[in-house]
Amino acid sequence: MKYYNGNYTYYKEKISEGAGRNFSEGGAPENFGTAEDGRTKRQKEPPADASSQAVENSGRKAPLSKNAERVLRAELEKTETEISETESRITAMEKIFASNEIDGRQLAYSEIESLNRDYAELKSALDRLYEKWQNLCSGLDS
């Protein structure tokens, strides 16, 4: 298995050299960037520590770092605020639908159609926000 050694321009150069070749003539792409051309060093994977192996073997996720948890909680709070605002807008629209009037006058047909479109958009936005909220909560549960 080949490992990336951090020299992006070298790999980009090798790929562009091979772009015009017929690979059946011995210029196979699996030879690019290997020790055969003398320009690269193979890098080994870092050894896994015992705690990460124990978590991998147990089937559980590794615990979140404090910073990751803080970021998730901030994003969760922001999402909850957006959910609250969207729900209040939906409630206001439902009150308009129930009374069928704005500022004491009857709604015109075009206004009702516009409100229906806006209402549908808000409902789908609310569904997306709930999905996002659920994903964030599951990230914190690990």
N, C-alpha and C. Protein backbone atom coordinates (compact mmCIF):
# COMPACT_ATOMS: atom_id res chain seq x y z
N MET A 1 0.84 -1.17 0.00
CA MET A 1 0.00 0.00 0.00
C MET A 1 0.89 1.24 0.00
N LYS A 2 0.54 2.21 -0.81
CA LYS A 2 1.33 3.44 -0.90
C LYS A 2 0.74 4.48 0.04
N TYR A 3 1.62 5.27 0.63
CA TYR A 3 1.18 6.32 1.53
C TYR A 3 1.60 7.67 0.98
N TYR A 4 0.76 8.63 1.16
CA TYR A 4 1.04 10.00 0.72
C TYR A 4 2.13 10.58 1.61
N ASN A 5 3.20 11.10 1.01
CA ASN A 5 4.30 11.60 1.83
C ASN A 5 4.31 13.11 1.96
N GLY A 6 3.24 13.78 1.58
CA GLY A 6 3.14 15.21 1.80
C GLY A 6 3.68 16.06 0.67
N ASN A 7 4.19 15.47 -0.39
CA ASN A 7 4.74 16.24 -1.50
C ASN A 7 3.71 16.26 -2.63
N TYR A 8 2.76 17.17 -2.52
CA TYR A 8 1.64 17.22 -3.46
C TYR A 8 2.10 17.52 -4.88
N THR A 9 3.02 18.44 -5.05
CA THR A 9 3.44 18.80 -6.41
C THR A 9 4.11 17.64 -7.11
N TYR A 10 4.85 16.82 -6.37
CA TYR A 10 5.49 15.66 -6.97
C TYR A 10 4.43 14.71 -7.52
N TYR A 11 3.40 14.42 -6.74
CA TYR A 11 2.35 13.51 -7.19
C TYR A 11 1.57 14.10 -8.36
N LYS A 12 1.30 15.38 -8.29
CA LYS A 12 0.59 16.04 -9.38
C LYS A 12 1.40 15.95 -10.66
N GLU A 13 2.72 16.13 -10.55
CA GLU A 13 3.63 16.04 -11.69
C GLU A 13 3.62 14.63 -12.27
N LYS A 14 3.68 13.62 -11.40
CA LYS A 14 3.69 12.23 -11.86
C LYS A 14 2.39 11.87 -12.56
N ILE A 15 1.29 12.35 -12.05
CA ILE A 15 0.00 12.06 -12.67
C ILE A 15 -0.08 12.72 -14.04
N SER A 16 0.38 13.96 -14.15
CA SER A 16 0.33 14.64 -15.44
C SER A 16 1.28 14.00 -16.44
N GLU A 17 2.43 13.45 -15.98
CA GLU A 17 3.33 12.74 -16.88
C GLU A 17 2.65 11.51 -17.45
N GLY A 18 1.86 10.84 -16.64
CA GLY A 18 1.22 9.61 -17.07
C GLY A 18 -0.07 9.84 -17.83
N ALA A 19 -0.52 11.08 -17.92
CA ALA A 19 -1.81 11.35 -18.56
C ALA A 19 -1.81 10.98 -20.03
N GLY A 20 -0.68 11.15 -20.72
CA GLY A 20 -0.64 10.86 -22.15
C GLY A 20 -0.14 9.47 -22.47
N ARG A 21 0.24 8.69 -21.47
CA ARG A 21 0.81 7.36 -21.70
C ARG A 21 -0.26 6.32 -21.93
N ASN A 22 0.18 5.27 -22.60
CA ASN A 22 -0.64 4.08 -22.70
C ASN A 22 -0.19 3.18 -21.57
N PHE A 23 -1.01 2.96 -20.59
CA PHE A 23 -0.60 2.24 -19.40
C PHE A 23 -0.33 0.77 -19.66
N SER A 24 -0.79 0.24 -20.76
CA SER A 24 -0.50 -1.16 -21.06
C SER A 24 0.95 -1.35 -21.50
N GLU A 25 1.68 -0.27 -21.75
CA GLU A 25 3.07 -0.36 -22.18
C GLU A 25 4.04 -0.24 -21.02
N GLY A 26 3.64 -0.51 -19.83
CA GLY A 26 4.57 -0.53 -18.71
C GLY A 26 4.57 0.71 -17.86
N GLY A 27 3.90 1.75 -18.24
CA GLY A 27 3.84 2.95 -17.42
C GLY A 27 2.63 2.90 -16.52
N ALA A 28 2.46 1.83 -15.81
CA ALA A 28 1.26 1.62 -15.01
C ALA A 28 1.15 2.63 -13.88
N PRO A 29 -0.04 3.11 -13.60
CA PRO A 29 -0.20 4.13 -12.56
C PRO A 29 0.17 3.63 -11.18
N GLU A 30 0.14 2.31 -10.95
CA GLU A 30 0.50 1.83 -9.62
C GLU A 30 1.98 2.00 -9.32
N ASN A 31 2.80 2.29 -10.35
CA ASN A 31 4.22 2.52 -10.13
C ASN A 31 4.54 3.98 -9.82
N PHE A 32 3.59 4.87 -9.99
CA PHE A 32 3.84 6.27 -9.69
C PHE A 32 4.00 6.46 -8.20
N GLY A 33 5.03 7.19 -7.82
CA GLY A 33 5.23 7.53 -6.42
C GLY A 33 5.68 6.38 -5.55
N THR A 34 6.21 5.33 -6.13
CA THR A 34 6.69 4.21 -5.32
C THR A 34 8.18 4.35 -5.12
N ALA A 35 8.74 3.44 -4.34
CA ALA A 35 10.17 3.48 -4.06
C ALA A 35 10.99 3.16 -5.31
N GLU A 36 10.36 2.59 -6.35
CA GLU A 36 11.09 2.22 -7.56
C GLU A 36 11.68 3.42 -8.26
N ASP A 37 11.06 4.57 -8.21
CA ASP A 37 11.59 5.72 -8.92
C ASP A 37 12.60 6.50 -8.07
N GLY A 38 12.82 6.10 -6.84
CA GLY A 38 13.87 6.68 -6.01
C GLY A 38 13.57 8.06 -5.45
N ARG A 39 12.41 8.60 -5.67
CA ARG A 39 12.13 9.96 -5.21
C ARG A 39 11.23 10.01 -3.99
N THR A 40 10.76 8.87 -3.54
CA THR A 40 9.85 8.91 -2.40
C THR A 40 10.33 7.99 -1.29
N LYS A 41 9.79 8.22 -0.12
CA LYS A 41 10.02 7.34 1.02
C LYS A 41 8.66 6.80 1.43
N ARG A 42 8.63 5.57 1.80
CA ARG A 42 7.38 5.02 2.30
C ARG A 42 7.22 5.44 3.75
N GLN A 43 6.01 5.77 4.09
CA GLN A 43 5.73 6.13 5.47
C GLN A 43 4.84 5.08 6.08
N LYS A 44 5.12 4.75 7.30
CA LYS A 44 4.32 3.76 8.00
C LYS A 44 3.16 4.45 8.70
N GLU A 45 2.11 3.68 8.91
CA GLU A 45 0.98 4.22 9.67
C GLU A 45 1.42 4.39 11.12
N PRO A 46 0.95 5.44 11.78
CA PRO A 46 1.32 5.60 13.18
C PRO A 46 0.72 4.47 14.01
N PRO A 47 1.44 4.01 15.01
CA PRO A 47 0.89 2.92 15.83
C PRO A 47 -0.32 3.41 16.61
N ALA A 48 -1.31 2.57 16.69
CA ALA A 48 -2.52 2.92 17.42
C ALA A 48 -2.28 2.69 18.90
N ASP A 49 -2.73 3.62 19.71
CA ASP A 49 -2.57 3.43 21.15
C ASP A 49 -3.64 2.48 21.66
N ALA A 50 -3.43 1.96 22.83
CA ALA A 50 -4.31 0.93 23.38
C ALA A 50 -5.72 1.45 23.61
N SER A 51 -5.87 2.71 24.00
CA SER A 51 -7.21 3.23 24.30
C SER A 51 -8.06 3.33 23.05
N SER A 52 -7.46 3.75 21.92
CA SER A 52 -8.25 3.85 20.69
C SER A 52 -8.60 2.47 20.17
N GLN A 53 -7.71 1.49 20.37
CA GLN A 53 -8.03 0.13 19.95
C GLN A 53 -9.16 -0.43 20.79
N ALA A 54 -9.15 -0.13 22.08
CA ALA A 54 -10.21 -0.62 22.96
C ALA A 54 -11.55 -0.05 22.55
N VAL A 55 -11.59 1.23 22.18
CA VAL A 55 -12.83 1.85 21.74
C VAL A 55 -13.28 1.25 20.42
N GLU A 56 -12.34 1.03 19.49
CA GLU A 56 -12.70 0.44 18.21
C GLU A 56 -13.25 -0.96 18.39
N ASN A 57 -12.66 -1.73 19.29
CA ASN A 57 -13.10 -3.10 19.50
C ASN A 57 -14.43 -3.16 20.23
N SER A 58 -14.75 -2.15 21.02
CA SER A 58 -15.99 -2.18 21.78
C SER A 58 -17.20 -1.79 20.95
N GLY A 59 -16.99 -1.17 19.79
CA GLY A 59 -18.10 -0.75 18.95
C GLY A 59 -18.65 0.61 19.32
N ARG A 60 -18.08 1.26 20.34
CA ARG A 60 -18.54 2.59 20.75
C ARG A 60 -17.69 3.65 20.08
N LYS A 61 -18.22 4.85 20.05
CA LYS A 61 -17.46 5.97 19.52
C LYS A 61 -16.51 6.49 20.60
N ALA A 62 -15.42 7.08 20.14
CA ALA A 62 -14.49 7.70 21.08
C ALA A 62 -15.17 8.92 21.70
N PRO A 63 -14.87 9.22 22.96
CA PRO A 63 -15.50 10.39 23.59
C PRO A 63 -15.05 11.67 22.89
N LEU A 64 -15.95 12.65 22.88
CA LEU A 64 -15.64 13.93 22.24
C LEU A 64 -14.64 14.72 23.08
N SER A 65 -13.82 15.49 22.39
CA SER A 65 -12.93 16.39 23.11
C SER A 65 -13.79 17.53 23.67
N LYS A 66 -13.23 18.27 24.60
CA LYS A 66 -13.98 19.37 25.21
C LYS A 66 -14.33 20.43 24.18
N ASN A 67 -13.40 20.70 23.27
CA ASN A 67 -13.65 21.71 22.25
C ASN A 67 -14.74 21.24 21.29
N ALA A 68 -14.69 19.97 20.88
CA ALA A 68 -15.71 19.46 19.97
C ALA A 68 -17.08 19.49 20.63
N GLU A 69 -17.13 19.14 21.91
CA GLU A 69 -18.40 19.18 22.63
C GLU A 69 -18.92 20.61 22.74
N ARG A 70 -18.02 21.55 22.99
CA ARG A 70 -18.42 22.97 23.09
C ARG A 70 -18.98 23.46 21.77
N VAL A 71 -18.32 23.08 20.66
CA VAL A 71 -18.79 23.49 19.34
C VAL A 71 -20.15 22.87 19.04
N LEU A 72 -20.31 21.58 19.37
CA LEU A 72 -21.60 20.92 19.15
C LEU A 72 -22.71 21.57 19.97
N ARG A 73 -22.42 21.89 21.22
CA ARG A 73 -23.44 22.52 22.07
C ARG A 73 -23.82 23.91 21.56
N ALA A 74 -22.84 24.66 21.07
CA ALA A 74 -23.13 25.99 20.51
C ALA A 74 -23.99 25.85 19.26
N GLU A 75 -23.67 24.89 18.41
CA GLU A 75 -24.46 24.66 17.20
C GLU A 75 -25.86 24.18 17.56
N LEU A 76 -25.96 23.35 18.59
CA LEU A 76 -27.26 22.87 19.05
C LEU A 76 -28.11 24.03 19.57
N GLU A 77 -27.51 24.93 20.33
CA GLU A 77 -28.23 26.09 20.85
C GLU A 77 -28.72 26.99 19.70
N LYS A 78 -27.86 27.19 18.72
CA LYS A 78 -28.23 28.00 17.56
C LYS A 78 -29.39 27.35 16.80
N THR A 79 -29.33 26.04 16.63
CA THR A 79 -30.39 25.32 15.93
C THR A 79 -31.70 25.40 16.71
N GLU A 80 -31.64 25.27 18.04
CA GLU A 80 -32.85 25.37 18.85
C GLU A 80 -33.47 26.76 18.75
N THR A 81 -32.64 27.79 18.66
CA THR A 81 -33.15 29.16 18.49
C THR A 81 -33.84 29.29 17.14
N GLU A 82 -33.23 28.74 16.09
CA GLU A 82 -33.84 28.79 14.75
C GLU A 82 -35.17 28.03 14.73
N ILE A 83 -35.22 26.89 15.42
CA ILE A 83 -36.46 26.12 15.50
C ILE A 83 -37.54 26.95 16.18
N SER A 84 -37.20 27.59 17.28
CA SER A 84 -38.17 28.41 18.01
C SER A 84 -38.70 29.55 17.15
N GLU A 85 -37.80 30.24 16.44
CA GLU A 85 -38.22 31.35 15.58
C GLU A 85 -39.12 30.85 14.44
N THR A 86 -38.75 29.72 13.85
CA THR A 86 -39.55 29.18 12.75
C THR A 86 -40.92 28.75 13.24
N GLU A 87 -40.97 28.12 14.41
CA GLU A 87 -42.26 27.71 14.97
C GLU A 87 -43.15 28.91 15.27
N SER A 88 -42.57 30.00 15.76
CA SER A 88 -43.38 31.19 16.05
C SER A 88 -43.92 31.80 14.76
N ARG A 89 -43.12 31.79 13.69
CA ARG A 89 -43.60 32.30 12.40
C ARG A 89 -44.73 31.42 11.86
N ILE A 90 -44.59 30.10 12.03
CA ILE A 90 -45.64 29.19 11.57
C ILE A 90 -46.92 29.42 12.37
N THR A 91 -46.80 29.61 13.67
CA THR A 91 -47.97 29.87 14.52
C THR A 91 -48.67 31.16 14.10
N ALA A 92 -47.89 32.19 13.80
CA ALA A 92 -48.48 33.46 13.35
C ALA A 92 -49.22 33.27 12.03
N MET A 93 -48.65 32.48 11.12
CA MET A 93 -49.32 32.23 9.84
C MET A 93 -50.61 31.44 10.04
N GLU A 94 -50.58 30.47 10.97
CA GLU A 94 -51.78 29.68 11.23
C GLU A 94 -52.89 30.55 11.81
N LYS A 95 -52.54 31.54 12.63
CA LYS A 95 -53.55 32.47 13.16
C LYS A 95 -54.16 33.29 12.03
N ILE A 96 -53.32 33.70 11.07
CA ILE A 96 -53.84 34.45 9.92
C ILE A 96 -54.78 33.58 9.11
N PHE A 97 -54.40 32.31 8.90
CA PHE A 97 -55.27 31.40 8.15
C PHE A 97 -56.60 31.20 8.87
N ALA A 98 -56.56 31.07 10.19
CA ALA A 98 -57.78 30.83 10.96
C ALA A 98 -58.72 32.03 10.89
N SER A 99 -58.18 33.23 10.96
CA SER A 99 -59.04 34.42 10.93
C SER A 99 -59.35 34.86 9.51
N ASN A 100 -58.53 34.46 8.55
CA ASN A 100 -58.67 34.81 7.14
C ASN A 100 -58.66 36.32 6.91
N GLU A 101 -57.91 37.02 7.76
CA GLU A 101 -57.79 38.47 7.57
C GLU A 101 -56.47 38.97 8.16
N ILE A 102 -56.01 40.09 7.59
CA ILE A 102 -54.80 40.77 8.07
C ILE A 102 -55.19 42.21 8.34
N ASP A 103 -54.88 42.70 9.52
CA ASP A 103 -55.17 44.09 9.90
C ASP A 103 -56.63 44.46 9.65
N GLY A 104 -57.55 43.54 9.94
CA GLY A 104 -58.97 43.82 9.83
C GLY A 104 -59.55 43.74 8.44
N ARG A 105 -58.80 43.33 7.45
CA ARG A 105 -59.36 43.19 6.09
C ARG A 105 -59.22 41.75 5.63
N GLN A 106 -60.14 41.34 4.80
CA GLN A 106 -60.14 39.98 4.26
C GLN A 106 -58.92 39.76 3.36
N LEU A 107 -58.44 38.53 3.36
CA LEU A 107 -57.31 38.19 2.49
C LEU A 107 -57.78 37.99 1.06
N ALA A 108 -57.01 38.50 0.12
CA ALA A 108 -57.29 38.26 -1.30
C ALA A 108 -56.78 36.86 -1.65
N TYR A 109 -57.29 36.33 -2.76
CA TYR A 109 -56.91 34.99 -3.19
C TYR A 109 -55.39 34.90 -3.43
N SER A 110 -54.81 35.91 -4.05
CA SER A 110 -53.37 35.91 -4.33
C SER A 110 -52.56 35.93 -3.03
N GLU A 111 -53.08 36.64 -2.02
CA GLU A 111 -52.40 36.67 -0.73
C GLU A 111 -52.44 35.30 -0.05
N ILE A 112 -53.57 34.63 -0.19
CA ILE A 112 -53.70 33.30 0.40
C ILE A 112 -52.74 32.32 -0.27
N GLU A 113 -52.64 32.40 -1.61
CA GLU A 113 -51.69 31.54 -2.33
C GLU A 113 -50.26 31.80 -1.88
N SER A 114 -49.91 33.07 -1.75
CA SER A 114 -48.57 33.44 -1.31
C SER A 114 -48.29 32.92 0.10
N LEU A 115 -49.28 33.08 0.98
CA LEU A 115 -49.12 32.59 2.34
C LEU A 115 -48.99 31.07 2.38
N ASN A 116 -49.74 30.38 1.51
CA ASN A 116 -49.64 28.92 1.45
C ASN A 116 -48.24 28.48 1.04
N ARG A 117 -47.66 29.16 0.04
CA ARG A 117 -46.29 28.83 -0.39
C ARG A 117 -45.30 29.07 0.74
N ASP A 118 -45.43 30.23 1.38
CA ASP A 118 -44.53 30.56 2.49
C ASP A 118 -44.68 29.56 3.64
N TYR A 119 -45.92 29.17 3.91
CA TYR A 119 -46.19 28.21 4.97
C TYR A 119 -45.53 26.87 4.66
N ALA A 120 -45.65 26.40 3.42
CA ALA A 120 -45.04 25.13 3.03
C ALA A 120 -43.52 25.20 3.14
N GLU A 121 -42.93 26.32 2.74
CA GLU A 121 -41.48 26.50 2.85
C GLU A 121 -41.03 26.49 4.31
N LEU A 122 -41.81 27.15 5.16
CA LEU A 122 -41.46 27.17 6.58
C LEU A 122 -41.56 25.78 7.21
N LYS A 123 -42.58 25.03 6.81
CA LYS A 123 -42.74 23.67 7.35
C LYS A 123 -41.57 22.78 6.93
N SER A 124 -41.15 22.88 5.66
CA SER A 124 -40.02 22.05 5.22
C SER A 124 -38.72 22.52 5.89
N ALA A 125 -38.57 23.83 6.10
CA ALA A 125 -37.40 24.34 6.82
C ALA A 125 -37.39 23.83 8.25
N LEU A 126 -38.57 23.78 8.86
CA LEU A 126 -38.67 23.27 10.23
C LEU A 126 -38.29 21.79 10.29
N ASP A 127 -38.73 21.02 9.30
CA ASP A 127 -38.36 19.60 9.25
C ASP A 127 -36.84 19.44 9.14
N ARG A 128 -36.20 20.25 8.29
CA ARG A 128 -34.74 20.18 8.15
C ARG A 128 -34.05 20.56 9.46
N LEU A 129 -34.59 21.58 10.14
CA LEU A 129 -34.00 21.99 11.41
C LEU A 129 -34.13 20.90 12.47
N TYR A 130 -35.27 20.20 12.48
CA TYR A 130 -35.43 19.10 13.43
C TYR A 130 -34.46 17.96 13.13
N GLU A 131 -34.23 17.67 11.85
CA GLU A 131 -33.25 16.64 11.48
C GLU A 131 -31.85 17.05 11.93
N LYS A 132 -31.51 18.31 11.70
CA LYS A 132 -30.20 18.82 12.12
C LYS A 132 -30.07 18.73 13.64
N TRP A 133 -31.12 19.11 14.35
CA TRP A 133 -31.12 19.05 15.81
C TRP A 133 -30.92 17.61 16.29
N GLN A 134 -31.61 16.67 15.64
CA GLN A 134 -31.49 15.27 16.02
C GLN A 134 -30.06 14.76 15.78
N ASN A 135 -29.46 15.14 14.66
CA ASN A 135 -28.08 14.73 14.37
C ASN A 135 -27.11 15.31 15.39
N LEU A 136 -27.31 16.56 15.77
CA LEU A 136 -26.44 17.17 16.77
C LEU A 136 -26.60 16.49 18.13
N CYS A 137 -27.82 16.15 18.48
CA CYS A 137 -28.05 15.47 19.76
C CYS A 137 -27.40 14.09 19.76
N SER A 138 -27.48 13.39 18.64
CA SER A 138 -26.85 12.06 18.59
C SER A 138 -25.33 12.18 18.65
N GLY A 139 -24.77 13.29 18.15
CA GLY A 139 -23.33 13.52 18.26
C GLY A 139 -22.91 13.75 19.69
N LEU A 140 -23.77 14.38 20.48
CA LEU A 140 -23.45 14.63 21.89
C LEU A 140 -23.65 13.38 22.75
N ASP A 141 -24.54 12.49 22.31
CA ASP A 141 -24.83 11.29 23.09
C ASP A 141 -23.68 10.30 23.10
N SER A 142 -22.79 10.42 22.13
CA SER A 142 -21.71 9.43 22.06
C SER A 142 -20.69 9.60 23.15
